[in-house]
């Protein structure tokens, strides 16, 4: 079945390299699965978009007759297709799954609202203590291991590293341990390819806008 990653046709320069279709591109590159990328309008999020993603966001994924949204759900769907993303033994699968949920519920749930509040210039906002505690707890885990689950890179690391590499989050963490973890993940060939492909996608949209 054909796998298609859906993203915006264009975004401003600021979020480029961080739009979450990159997570799906990265996972597909890690797994060696063929896929295509299609676009939905950034400026006019119409009924067709909302039918597939009711909040008007990206990414969403189509896999034949299956259509699925939310990057975490899409990643778990892809992880079923390749043991490069999630081990097939029961213990390794459970450990990977728990860290995927931890990335979404224990780290992103804190880091995203903290980041929004920090846009005012106040990084020591009301969530700073909670954020510092969670990053410290994660740092303690990463002191003793290279990757989060199953003694190897999994989809859990892909998701966690994508949260942590946001510049404001990384700077706030100010942790050699977390920095080394981010660097290990983002130095992977699959990440570099996914990152370059996303930038090229939006740069092509710039050229199209200039030519129209």
N, C-alpha and C. Protein backbone atom coordinates (compact mmCIF):
# COMPACT_ATOMS: atom_id res chain seq x y z
N UNK A 1 0.84 -1.19 0.00
CA UNK A 1 0.00 0.00 0.00
C UNK A 1 0.88 1.24 0.00
N UNK A 2 0.41 2.30 -0.66
CA UNK A 2 1.19 3.54 -0.80
C UNK A 2 1.09 4.37 0.46
N UNK A 3 2.24 4.76 0.98
CA UNK A 3 2.31 5.63 2.15
C UNK A 3 2.49 7.06 1.68
N UNK A 4 1.65 7.95 2.18
CA UNK A 4 1.74 9.36 1.81
C UNK A 4 1.74 10.22 3.06
N UNK A 5 2.74 11.06 3.17
CA UNK A 5 2.83 12.03 4.25
C UNK A 5 2.26 13.35 3.75
N UNK A 6 1.35 13.91 4.51
CA UNK A 6 0.73 15.18 4.13
C UNK A 6 1.27 16.30 5.02
N UNK A 7 1.66 17.39 4.37
CA UNK A 7 2.15 18.55 5.08
C UNK A 7 1.57 19.80 4.43
N UNK A 8 1.94 20.97 4.94
CA UNK A 8 1.49 22.22 4.33
C UNK A 8 2.22 22.47 3.02
N UNK A 9 1.56 23.21 2.14
CA UNK A 9 2.22 23.57 0.89
C UNK A 9 3.32 24.60 1.10
N UNK A 10 3.20 25.37 2.19
CA UNK A 10 4.18 26.43 2.48
C UNK A 10 4.01 26.83 3.94
N UNK A 11 5.11 27.22 4.58
CA UNK A 11 5.05 27.85 5.91
C UNK A 11 6.08 28.97 5.93
N UNK A 12 5.95 29.94 6.85
CA UNK A 12 6.97 30.98 6.98
C UNK A 12 8.31 30.35 7.38
N UNK A 13 9.37 31.14 7.29
CA UNK A 13 10.71 30.59 7.52
C UNK A 13 10.90 30.08 8.95
N UNK A 14 10.29 30.74 9.94
CA UNK A 14 10.53 30.39 11.34
C UNK A 14 10.34 28.92 11.68
N UNK A 15 9.20 28.31 11.33
CA UNK A 15 8.97 26.91 11.72
C UNK A 15 9.61 25.88 10.79
N UNK A 16 10.26 26.30 9.73
CA UNK A 16 10.85 25.33 8.80
C UNK A 16 11.93 24.52 9.51
N UNK A 17 11.91 23.24 9.25
CA UNK A 17 12.81 22.33 9.96
C UNK A 17 12.20 21.77 11.23
N UNK A 18 11.02 22.32 11.63
CA UNK A 18 10.36 21.87 12.85
C UNK A 18 8.90 21.48 12.62
N UNK A 19 8.39 21.68 11.41
CA UNK A 19 7.02 21.23 11.11
C UNK A 19 7.00 19.70 11.28
N UNK A 20 5.96 19.19 11.87
CA UNK A 20 6.01 17.82 12.38
C UNK A 20 5.88 16.72 11.34
N UNK A 21 5.66 17.08 10.09
CA UNK A 21 5.79 16.04 9.07
C UNK A 21 7.20 15.50 9.04
N UNK A 22 8.17 16.28 9.56
CA UNK A 22 9.56 15.81 9.60
C UNK A 22 9.68 14.52 10.40
N UNK A 23 8.87 14.38 11.45
CA UNK A 23 8.92 13.16 12.26
C UNK A 23 8.57 11.93 11.42
N UNK A 24 7.56 12.07 10.58
CA UNK A 24 7.14 10.95 9.74
C UNK A 24 8.18 10.69 8.66
N UNK A 25 8.68 11.74 8.05
CA UNK A 25 9.74 11.57 7.04
C UNK A 25 10.94 10.84 7.66
N UNK A 26 11.33 11.27 8.87
CA UNK A 26 12.47 10.67 9.55
C UNK A 26 12.22 9.19 9.81
N UNK A 27 11.05 8.87 10.34
CA UNK A 27 10.72 7.47 10.62
C UNK A 27 10.75 6.62 9.35
N UNK A 28 10.20 7.14 8.29
CA UNK A 28 10.16 6.39 7.03
C UNK A 28 11.56 6.20 6.47
N UNK A 29 12.42 7.20 6.63
CA UNK A 29 13.81 7.06 6.20
C UNK A 29 14.52 6.01 7.04
N UNK A 30 14.30 6.03 8.35
CA UNK A 30 14.92 5.02 9.22
C UNK A 30 14.47 3.61 8.82
N UNK A 31 13.21 3.47 8.51
CA UNK A 31 12.64 2.16 8.19
C UNK A 31 12.94 1.71 6.77
N UNK A 32 13.39 2.63 5.92
CA UNK A 32 13.63 2.30 4.52
C UNK A 32 12.36 2.03 3.75
N UNK A 33 11.27 2.67 4.16
CA UNK A 33 9.98 2.49 3.48
C UNK A 33 9.79 3.59 2.45
N UNK A 34 9.28 3.23 1.29
CA UNK A 34 9.03 4.22 0.25
C UNK A 34 7.76 5.00 0.59
N UNK A 35 7.77 6.27 0.23
CA UNK A 35 6.62 7.13 0.53
C UNK A 35 6.63 8.32 -0.40
N UNK A 36 5.51 9.00 -0.45
CA UNK A 36 5.42 10.26 -1.19
C UNK A 36 4.97 11.34 -0.21
N UNK A 37 5.15 12.59 -0.62
CA UNK A 37 4.72 13.73 0.19
C UNK A 37 3.74 14.55 -0.62
N UNK A 38 2.62 14.86 -0.01
CA UNK A 38 1.63 15.72 -0.67
C UNK A 38 1.30 16.89 0.24
N UNK A 39 0.69 17.91 -0.34
CA UNK A 39 0.48 19.17 0.38
C UNK A 39 -0.98 19.51 0.54
N UNK A 40 -1.24 20.21 1.63
CA UNK A 40 -2.54 20.82 1.86
C UNK A 40 -2.31 22.30 2.12
N UNK A 41 -3.20 23.20 1.71
CA UNK A 41 -2.92 24.63 1.81
C UNK A 41 -2.71 25.10 3.25
N UNK A 42 -1.69 25.93 3.43
CA UNK A 42 -1.42 26.54 4.73
C UNK A 42 -2.40 27.68 4.99
N UNK A 43 -2.70 28.47 3.96
CA UNK A 43 -3.52 29.67 4.14
C UNK A 43 -5.02 29.41 4.05
N UNK A 44 -5.42 28.29 3.48
CA UNK A 44 -6.85 28.02 3.31
C UNK A 44 -7.12 26.57 3.70
N UNK A 45 -7.33 26.36 5.00
CA UNK A 45 -7.50 25.01 5.51
C UNK A 45 -8.97 24.62 5.40
N UNK A 46 -9.30 24.09 4.24
CA UNK A 46 -10.70 23.86 3.90
C UNK A 46 -11.24 22.54 4.39
N UNK A 47 -12.42 22.21 3.90
CA UNK A 47 -13.15 21.05 4.40
C UNK A 47 -12.42 19.74 4.13
N UNK A 48 -11.69 19.66 3.02
CA UNK A 48 -10.99 18.42 2.70
C UNK A 48 -9.87 18.16 3.73
N UNK A 49 -9.19 19.24 4.12
CA UNK A 49 -8.17 19.12 5.16
C UNK A 49 -8.81 18.72 6.48
N UNK A 50 -9.88 19.41 6.86
CA UNK A 50 -10.52 19.16 8.14
C UNK A 50 -11.14 17.76 8.22
N UNK A 51 -11.47 17.21 7.08
CA UNK A 51 -12.00 15.84 7.06
C UNK A 51 -10.93 14.84 7.49
N UNK A 52 -9.67 15.15 7.16
CA UNK A 52 -8.56 14.25 7.50
C UNK A 52 -7.88 14.62 8.81
N UNK A 53 -7.92 15.92 9.15
CA UNK A 53 -7.29 16.39 10.39
C UNK A 53 -8.22 17.46 10.96
N UNK A 54 -9.08 17.10 11.91
CA UNK A 54 -10.16 18.00 12.34
C UNK A 54 -9.68 19.30 12.98
N UNK A 55 -8.39 19.38 13.34
CA UNK A 55 -7.86 20.59 13.95
C UNK A 55 -7.09 21.45 12.95
N UNK A 56 -7.09 21.05 11.69
CA UNK A 56 -6.45 21.84 10.64
C UNK A 56 -4.94 21.85 10.73
N UNK A 57 -4.36 20.83 11.36
CA UNK A 57 -2.91 20.76 11.53
C UNK A 57 -2.31 19.75 10.57
N UNK A 58 -0.98 19.65 10.61
CA UNK A 58 -0.25 18.59 9.92
C UNK A 58 0.76 18.03 10.93
N UNK A 59 1.21 16.80 10.69
CA UNK A 59 0.96 16.00 9.49
C UNK A 59 -0.27 15.12 9.68
N UNK A 60 -0.66 14.52 8.56
CA UNK A 60 -1.48 13.32 8.62
C UNK A 60 -0.93 12.37 7.59
N UNK A 61 -1.29 11.11 7.73
CA UNK A 61 -0.70 10.04 6.95
C UNK A 61 -1.80 9.24 6.28
N UNK A 62 -1.59 8.89 5.03
CA UNK A 62 -2.49 7.93 4.39
C UNK A 62 -1.70 6.69 4.02
N UNK A 63 -2.31 5.57 4.27
CA UNK A 63 -1.71 4.26 4.00
C UNK A 63 -2.79 3.42 3.34
N UNK A 64 -2.85 3.52 2.01
CA UNK A 64 -3.95 2.87 1.30
C UNK A 64 -5.26 3.50 1.71
N UNK A 65 -6.18 2.70 2.25
CA UNK A 65 -7.49 3.20 2.67
C UNK A 65 -7.48 3.80 4.08
N UNK A 66 -6.34 3.68 4.76
CA UNK A 66 -6.23 4.20 6.13
C UNK A 66 -5.77 5.64 6.08
N UNK A 67 -6.44 6.50 6.86
CA UNK A 67 -6.00 7.88 7.04
C UNK A 67 -5.90 8.12 8.54
N UNK A 68 -4.73 8.65 8.98
CA UNK A 68 -4.48 8.79 10.42
C UNK A 68 -3.78 10.12 10.69
N UNK A 69 -4.19 10.80 11.77
CA UNK A 69 -3.57 12.08 12.11
C UNK A 69 -2.96 11.99 13.50
N UNK A 70 -2.28 13.06 13.90
CA UNK A 70 -1.46 13.19 15.10
C UNK A 70 -0.14 12.45 14.87
N UNK A 71 0.96 13.19 15.02
CA UNK A 71 2.26 12.62 14.68
C UNK A 71 2.58 11.39 15.52
N UNK A 72 2.22 11.40 16.81
CA UNK A 72 2.49 10.23 17.64
C UNK A 72 1.76 9.00 17.15
N UNK A 73 0.50 9.16 16.80
CA UNK A 73 -0.27 8.03 16.27
C UNK A 73 0.30 7.55 14.94
N UNK A 74 0.69 8.50 14.09
CA UNK A 74 1.27 8.13 12.80
C UNK A 74 2.57 7.37 13.00
N UNK A 75 3.39 7.80 13.96
CA UNK A 75 4.66 7.12 14.21
C UNK A 75 4.43 5.70 14.72
N UNK A 76 3.46 5.51 15.59
CA UNK A 76 3.18 4.16 16.07
C UNK A 76 2.64 3.27 14.95
N UNK A 77 1.87 3.86 14.04
CA UNK A 77 1.40 3.10 12.88
C UNK A 77 2.58 2.64 12.04
N UNK A 78 3.53 3.55 11.82
CA UNK A 78 4.70 3.20 11.01
C UNK A 78 5.59 2.20 11.74
N UNK A 79 5.65 2.30 13.08
CA UNK A 79 6.48 1.38 13.85
C UNK A 79 6.02 -0.07 13.71
N UNK A 80 4.73 -0.26 13.42
CA UNK A 80 4.24 -1.62 13.21
C UNK A 80 4.82 -2.23 11.93
N UNK A 81 5.31 -1.38 11.04
CA UNK A 81 5.77 -1.84 9.74
C UNK A 81 7.26 -2.18 9.71
N UNK A 82 8.00 -1.80 10.76
CA UNK A 82 9.44 -2.02 10.72
C UNK A 82 10.00 -2.20 12.12
N UNK A 83 10.77 -3.26 12.31
CA UNK A 83 11.41 -3.46 13.61
C UNK A 83 12.59 -2.52 13.80
N UNK A 84 12.93 -1.73 12.78
CA UNK A 84 13.94 -0.70 12.96
C UNK A 84 13.40 0.44 13.83
N UNK A 85 12.09 0.57 13.88
CA UNK A 85 11.46 1.61 14.68
C UNK A 85 11.01 1.11 16.04
N UNK A 86 10.63 -0.16 16.11
CA UNK A 86 10.18 -0.73 17.39
C UNK A 86 10.52 -2.22 17.40
N UNK A 87 11.18 -2.69 18.47
CA UNK A 87 11.51 -4.12 18.54
C UNK A 87 10.25 -4.98 18.52
N UNK A 88 10.43 -6.22 18.12
CA UNK A 88 9.30 -7.14 18.05
C UNK A 88 9.18 -8.03 19.28
N UNK A 89 10.20 -8.08 20.14
CA UNK A 89 10.04 -8.84 21.37
C UNK A 89 9.17 -8.05 22.33
N UNK A 90 8.46 -8.76 23.20
CA UNK A 90 7.46 -8.12 24.05
C UNK A 90 8.06 -7.07 24.98
N UNK A 91 9.21 -7.36 25.55
CA UNK A 91 9.82 -6.41 26.48
C UNK A 91 10.30 -5.15 25.76
N UNK A 92 10.95 -5.34 24.62
CA UNK A 92 11.44 -4.19 23.86
C UNK A 92 10.31 -3.33 23.33
N UNK A 93 9.23 -3.97 22.89
CA UNK A 93 8.08 -3.22 22.39
C UNK A 93 7.43 -2.42 23.52
N UNK A 94 7.28 -3.05 24.68
CA UNK A 94 6.66 -2.35 25.81
C UNK A 94 7.51 -1.17 26.27
N UNK A 95 8.82 -1.36 26.31
CA UNK A 95 9.71 -0.27 26.74
C UNK A 95 9.67 0.88 25.74
N UNK A 96 9.66 0.56 24.47
CA UNK A 96 9.58 1.61 23.45
C UNK A 96 8.26 2.36 23.55
N UNK A 97 7.17 1.62 23.70
CA UNK A 97 5.86 2.25 23.79
C UNK A 97 5.77 3.18 25.00
N UNK A 98 6.31 2.75 26.14
CA UNK A 98 6.21 3.61 27.33
C UNK A 98 6.98 4.91 27.15
N UNK A 99 8.11 4.86 26.42
CA UNK A 99 8.88 6.08 26.20
C UNK A 99 8.26 6.97 25.12
N UNK A 100 7.55 6.39 24.17
CA UNK A 100 6.77 7.21 23.23
C UNK A 100 5.72 8.00 24.01
N UNK A 101 4.99 7.32 24.90
CA UNK A 101 3.96 8.01 25.68
C UNK A 101 4.59 9.01 26.64
N UNK A 102 5.73 8.66 27.23
CA UNK A 102 6.41 9.60 28.12
C UNK A 102 6.85 10.86 27.36
N UNK A 103 7.33 10.68 26.14
CA UNK A 103 7.73 11.85 25.34
C UNK A 103 6.55 12.78 25.11
N UNK A 104 5.39 12.20 24.82
CA UNK A 104 4.20 13.00 24.55
C UNK A 104 3.60 13.59 25.83
N UNK A 105 3.53 12.79 26.90
CA UNK A 105 2.79 13.19 28.10
C UNK A 105 3.64 13.84 29.18
N UNK A 106 4.90 13.45 29.28
CA UNK A 106 5.73 13.95 30.37
C UNK A 106 6.70 15.04 29.94
N UNK A 107 7.05 15.08 28.66
CA UNK A 107 7.98 16.11 28.18
C UNK A 107 7.27 17.13 27.29
N UNK A 108 6.61 16.69 26.23
CA UNK A 108 5.96 17.66 25.33
C UNK A 108 4.86 18.43 26.05
N UNK A 109 4.13 17.76 26.93
CA UNK A 109 3.03 18.42 27.62
C UNK A 109 3.51 19.61 28.44
N UNK A 110 4.77 19.56 28.89
CA UNK A 110 5.36 20.66 29.64
C UNK A 110 6.08 21.63 28.71
N UNK A 111 6.85 21.09 27.77
CA UNK A 111 7.72 21.94 26.96
C UNK A 111 6.96 22.86 26.02
N UNK A 112 5.85 22.38 25.45
CA UNK A 112 5.12 23.22 24.50
C UNK A 112 4.48 24.44 25.18
N UNK A 113 3.70 24.28 26.27
CA UNK A 113 3.17 25.48 26.91
C UNK A 113 4.26 26.38 27.48
N UNK A 114 5.34 25.77 28.01
CA UNK A 114 6.46 26.60 28.49
C UNK A 114 7.02 27.43 27.35
N UNK A 115 7.18 26.80 26.17
CA UNK A 115 7.73 27.51 25.01
C UNK A 115 6.83 28.67 24.59
N UNK A 116 5.52 28.44 24.57
CA UNK A 116 4.60 29.52 24.20
C UNK A 116 4.71 30.69 25.18
N UNK A 117 4.77 30.41 26.47
CA UNK A 117 4.91 31.48 27.45
C UNK A 117 6.25 32.19 27.30
N UNK A 118 7.27 31.46 26.88
CA UNK A 118 8.60 32.06 26.75
C UNK A 118 8.70 33.01 25.56
N UNK A 119 7.73 32.96 24.65
CA UNK A 119 7.75 33.86 23.49
C UNK A 119 7.67 35.32 23.92
N UNK A 120 7.15 35.56 25.13
CA UNK A 120 7.09 36.92 25.65
C UNK A 120 8.46 37.41 26.10
N UNK A 121 9.45 36.50 26.07
CA UNK A 121 10.79 36.85 26.52
C UNK A 121 11.08 36.39 27.93
N UNK A 122 10.09 35.81 28.59
CA UNK A 122 10.26 35.38 29.98
C UNK A 122 10.44 33.87 30.03
N UNK A 123 11.66 33.40 29.94
CA UNK A 123 11.89 31.96 29.99
C UNK A 123 11.70 31.42 31.40
N UNK A 124 11.79 32.30 32.42
CA UNK A 124 11.52 31.89 33.80
C UNK A 124 10.05 32.17 34.13
N UNK A 125 9.18 31.65 33.29
CA UNK A 125 7.74 31.86 33.48
C UNK A 125 7.19 30.85 34.47
N UNK A 126 5.88 30.83 34.62
CA UNK A 126 5.24 30.00 35.63
C UNK A 126 5.46 28.50 35.47
N UNK A 127 5.88 28.07 34.29
CA UNK A 127 6.11 26.65 34.05
C UNK A 127 7.59 26.28 34.13
N UNK A 128 8.46 27.25 34.40
CA UNK A 128 9.90 27.00 34.34
C UNK A 128 10.34 25.94 35.35
N UNK A 129 9.79 25.99 36.56
CA UNK A 129 10.17 25.00 37.56
C UNK A 129 9.79 23.59 37.16
N UNK A 130 8.58 23.44 36.65
CA UNK A 130 8.10 22.13 36.18
C UNK A 130 8.96 21.65 35.02
N UNK A 131 9.25 22.55 34.09
CA UNK A 131 10.08 22.23 32.94
C UNK A 131 11.48 21.78 33.38
N UNK A 132 12.07 22.53 34.31
CA UNK A 132 13.42 22.20 34.77
C UNK A 132 13.42 20.83 35.48
N UNK A 133 12.38 20.55 36.25
CA UNK A 133 12.30 19.27 36.94
C UNK A 133 12.22 18.12 35.94
N UNK A 134 11.34 18.25 34.93
CA UNK A 134 11.17 17.16 33.96
C UNK A 134 12.45 16.93 33.14
N UNK A 135 13.10 18.00 32.73
CA UNK A 135 14.34 17.85 31.98
C UNK A 135 15.42 17.22 32.85
N UNK A 136 15.45 17.58 34.13
CA UNK A 136 16.41 16.98 35.04
C UNK A 136 16.17 15.49 35.23
N UNK A 137 14.91 15.11 35.31
CA UNK A 137 14.57 13.69 35.45
C UNK A 137 14.96 12.92 34.20
N UNK A 138 14.73 13.52 33.04
CA UNK A 138 15.14 12.87 31.79
C UNK A 138 16.66 12.77 31.71
N UNK A 139 17.34 13.83 32.12
CA UNK A 139 18.81 13.81 32.11
C UNK A 139 19.34 12.66 32.97
N UNK A 140 18.73 12.41 34.11
CA UNK A 140 19.17 11.31 34.96
C UNK A 140 19.07 9.97 34.25
N UNK A 141 18.02 9.80 33.46
CA UNK A 141 17.86 8.56 32.68
C UNK A 141 18.96 8.45 31.63
N UNK A 142 19.19 9.55 30.92
CA UNK A 142 20.13 9.52 29.80
C UNK A 142 21.58 9.44 30.24
N UNK A 143 21.85 9.70 31.51
CA UNK A 143 23.22 9.53 32.02
C UNK A 143 23.66 8.07 31.97
N UNK A 144 22.70 7.17 32.02
CA UNK A 144 23.02 5.74 32.15
C UNK A 144 22.79 4.95 30.87
N UNK A 145 22.34 5.61 29.81
CA UNK A 145 22.06 4.86 28.58
C UNK A 145 22.24 5.75 27.36
N UNK A 146 22.53 5.11 26.23
CA UNK A 146 22.69 5.84 24.97
C UNK A 146 21.34 6.20 24.37
N UNK A 147 20.41 5.24 24.42
CA UNK A 147 19.07 5.42 23.87
C UNK A 147 18.04 5.06 24.94
N UNK A 148 16.80 5.44 24.72
CA UNK A 148 15.79 5.30 25.77
C UNK A 148 15.32 3.88 25.99
N UNK A 149 15.19 3.11 24.93
CA UNK A 149 14.53 1.80 25.04
C UNK A 149 15.30 0.73 24.28
N UNK A 150 15.25 -0.48 24.80
CA UNK A 150 15.73 -1.67 24.09
C UNK A 150 17.21 -1.60 23.72
N UNK A 151 17.96 -0.73 24.37
CA UNK A 151 19.41 -0.59 24.13
C UNK A 151 19.75 -0.22 22.69
N UNK A 152 18.81 0.45 22.01
CA UNK A 152 19.08 0.90 20.64
C UNK A 152 18.14 2.02 20.26
N UNK A 153 18.41 2.67 19.14
CA UNK A 153 17.54 3.74 18.64
C UNK A 153 16.18 3.16 18.25
N UNK A 154 15.13 3.83 18.71
CA UNK A 154 13.77 3.45 18.35
C UNK A 154 12.95 4.70 18.04
N UNK A 155 11.70 4.48 17.71
CA UNK A 155 10.80 5.59 17.44
C UNK A 155 10.64 6.49 18.67
N UNK A 156 10.86 5.94 19.86
CA UNK A 156 10.79 6.76 21.08
C UNK A 156 11.88 7.83 21.08
N UNK A 157 13.09 7.47 20.63
CA UNK A 157 14.18 8.45 20.56
C UNK A 157 13.90 9.49 19.49
N UNK A 158 13.33 9.05 18.39
CA UNK A 158 12.99 9.99 17.31
C UNK A 158 12.06 11.07 17.85
N UNK A 159 11.04 10.67 18.56
CA UNK A 159 10.06 11.61 19.07
C UNK A 159 10.66 12.49 20.17
N UNK A 160 11.39 11.88 21.11
CA UNK A 160 11.96 12.65 22.21
C UNK A 160 12.99 13.66 21.69
N UNK A 161 13.85 13.22 20.80
CA UNK A 161 14.88 14.12 20.28
C UNK A 161 14.26 15.28 19.50
N UNK A 162 13.15 15.01 18.82
CA UNK A 162 12.50 16.08 18.07
C UNK A 162 11.94 17.15 18.99
N UNK A 163 11.44 16.77 20.17
CA UNK A 163 11.03 17.78 21.16
C UNK A 163 12.23 18.57 21.65
N UNK A 164 13.27 17.84 22.02
CA UNK A 164 14.39 18.46 22.72
C UNK A 164 15.23 19.36 21.83
N UNK A 165 15.22 19.12 20.51
CA UNK A 165 16.09 19.91 19.62
C UNK A 165 15.54 21.31 19.35
N UNK A 166 14.32 21.61 19.75
CA UNK A 166 13.80 22.98 19.63
C UNK A 166 14.77 23.91 20.35
N UNK A 167 15.32 24.93 19.68
CA UNK A 167 16.40 25.72 20.26
C UNK A 167 16.12 26.26 21.66
N UNK A 168 14.93 26.78 21.90
CA UNK A 168 14.64 27.32 23.23
C UNK A 168 14.64 26.24 24.31
N UNK A 169 14.15 25.07 23.95
CA UNK A 169 14.14 23.96 24.91
C UNK A 169 15.57 23.50 25.18
N UNK A 170 16.33 23.34 24.11
CA UNK A 170 17.71 22.88 24.25
C UNK A 170 18.53 23.87 25.08
N UNK A 171 18.37 25.15 24.81
CA UNK A 171 19.11 26.16 25.57
C UNK A 171 18.71 26.16 27.03
N UNK A 172 17.41 25.99 27.29
CA UNK A 172 16.93 25.99 28.66
C UNK A 172 17.48 24.78 29.43
N UNK A 173 17.55 23.64 28.77
CA UNK A 173 18.08 22.44 29.41
C UNK A 173 19.54 22.63 29.81
N UNK A 174 20.32 23.26 28.93
CA UNK A 174 21.74 23.55 29.20
C UNK A 174 22.44 22.34 29.80
N UNK A 175 22.23 21.19 29.16
CA UNK A 175 22.73 19.93 29.70
C UNK A 175 23.65 19.24 28.70
N UNK A 176 24.91 19.00 29.05
CA UNK A 176 25.78 18.24 28.16
C UNK A 176 25.23 16.85 27.84
N UNK A 177 24.55 16.25 28.82
CA UNK A 177 23.99 14.91 28.60
C UNK A 177 22.87 14.97 27.56
N UNK A 178 21.95 15.91 27.72
CA UNK A 178 20.86 16.04 26.76
C UNK A 178 21.37 16.51 25.41
N UNK A 179 22.33 17.42 25.39
CA UNK A 179 22.91 17.86 24.12
C UNK A 179 23.54 16.70 23.36
N UNK A 180 24.26 15.85 24.07
CA UNK A 180 24.89 14.70 23.41
C UNK A 180 23.84 13.75 22.84
N UNK A 181 22.75 13.59 23.56
CA UNK A 181 21.65 12.73 23.09
C UNK A 181 21.02 13.31 21.83
N UNK A 182 20.74 14.61 21.83
CA UNK A 182 20.18 15.25 20.64
C UNK A 182 21.13 15.11 19.46
N UNK A 183 22.41 15.34 19.71
CA UNK A 183 23.40 15.24 18.62
C UNK A 183 23.47 13.83 18.06
N UNK A 184 23.41 12.82 18.93
CA UNK A 184 23.43 11.43 18.44
C UNK A 184 22.26 11.17 17.51
N UNK A 185 21.08 11.64 17.92
CA UNK A 185 19.88 11.39 17.12
C UNK A 185 19.91 12.16 15.81
N UNK A 186 20.29 13.44 15.89
CA UNK A 186 20.21 14.30 14.71
C UNK A 186 21.39 14.12 13.76
N UNK A 187 22.38 13.36 14.19
CA UNK A 187 23.49 13.05 13.30
C UNK A 187 23.20 11.82 12.45
N UNK A 188 22.06 11.20 12.68
CA UNK A 188 21.71 10.02 11.90
C UNK A 188 21.37 10.43 10.46
N UNK A 189 21.78 9.61 9.54
CA UNK A 189 21.57 9.92 8.12
C UNK A 189 20.09 10.12 7.81
N UNK A 190 19.23 9.34 8.44
CA UNK A 190 17.79 9.44 8.17
C UNK A 190 17.26 10.80 8.60
N UNK A 191 17.72 11.32 9.74
CA UNK A 191 17.29 12.66 10.15
C UNK A 191 17.78 13.71 9.17
N UNK A 192 19.05 13.65 8.80
CA UNK A 192 19.61 14.66 7.89
C UNK A 192 18.86 14.69 6.57
N UNK A 193 18.50 13.51 6.07
CA UNK A 193 17.76 13.45 4.80
C UNK A 193 16.36 14.03 4.98
N UNK A 194 15.67 13.66 6.05
CA UNK A 194 14.32 14.16 6.28
C UNK A 194 14.32 15.68 6.46
N UNK A 195 15.30 16.19 7.20
CA UNK A 195 15.41 17.62 7.44
C UNK A 195 15.65 18.37 6.12
N UNK A 196 16.59 17.89 5.32
CA UNK A 196 16.90 18.53 4.04
C UNK A 196 15.69 18.49 3.11
N UNK A 197 14.98 17.38 3.12
CA UNK A 197 13.81 17.25 2.24
C UNK A 197 12.71 18.21 2.65
N UNK A 198 12.51 18.39 3.95
CA UNK A 198 11.48 19.34 4.36
C UNK A 198 11.86 20.76 3.95
N UNK A 199 13.09 21.15 4.17
CA UNK A 199 13.51 22.50 3.77
C UNK A 199 13.35 22.68 2.26
N UNK A 200 13.72 21.67 1.49
CA UNK A 200 13.60 21.77 0.03
C UNK A 200 12.14 21.92 -0.39
N UNK A 201 11.25 21.24 0.31
CA UNK A 201 9.82 21.32 0.02
C UNK A 201 9.31 22.75 0.15
N UNK A 202 9.67 23.42 1.24
CA UNK A 202 9.18 24.78 1.46
C UNK A 202 9.94 25.80 0.61
N UNK A 203 11.20 25.53 0.31
CA UNK A 203 11.94 26.41 -0.59
C UNK A 203 11.36 26.37 -2.00
N UNK A 204 10.94 25.19 -2.42
CA UNK A 204 10.29 25.09 -3.73
C UNK A 204 8.99 25.89 -3.76
N UNK A 205 8.28 25.90 -2.62
CA UNK A 205 7.06 26.70 -2.55
C UNK A 205 7.37 28.18 -2.65
N UNK A 206 8.49 28.63 -2.06
CA UNK A 206 8.91 30.03 -2.20
C UNK A 206 9.10 30.39 -3.67
N UNK A 207 9.80 29.51 -4.37
CA UNK A 207 10.08 29.77 -5.80
C UNK A 207 8.78 29.80 -6.60
N UNK A 208 7.86 28.93 -6.24
CA UNK A 208 6.58 28.91 -6.94
C UNK A 208 5.81 30.21 -6.70
N UNK A 209 5.85 30.72 -5.45
CA UNK A 209 5.18 31.97 -5.12
C UNK A 209 5.80 33.14 -5.90
N UNK A 210 7.14 33.14 -5.98
CA UNK A 210 7.81 34.23 -6.70
C UNK A 210 7.49 34.18 -8.19
N UNK A 211 7.30 32.96 -8.71
CA UNK A 211 7.04 32.82 -10.14
C UNK A 211 5.61 33.08 -10.53
N UNK A 212 4.70 33.11 -9.53
CA UNK A 212 3.28 33.29 -9.86
C UNK A 212 2.91 34.76 -9.89
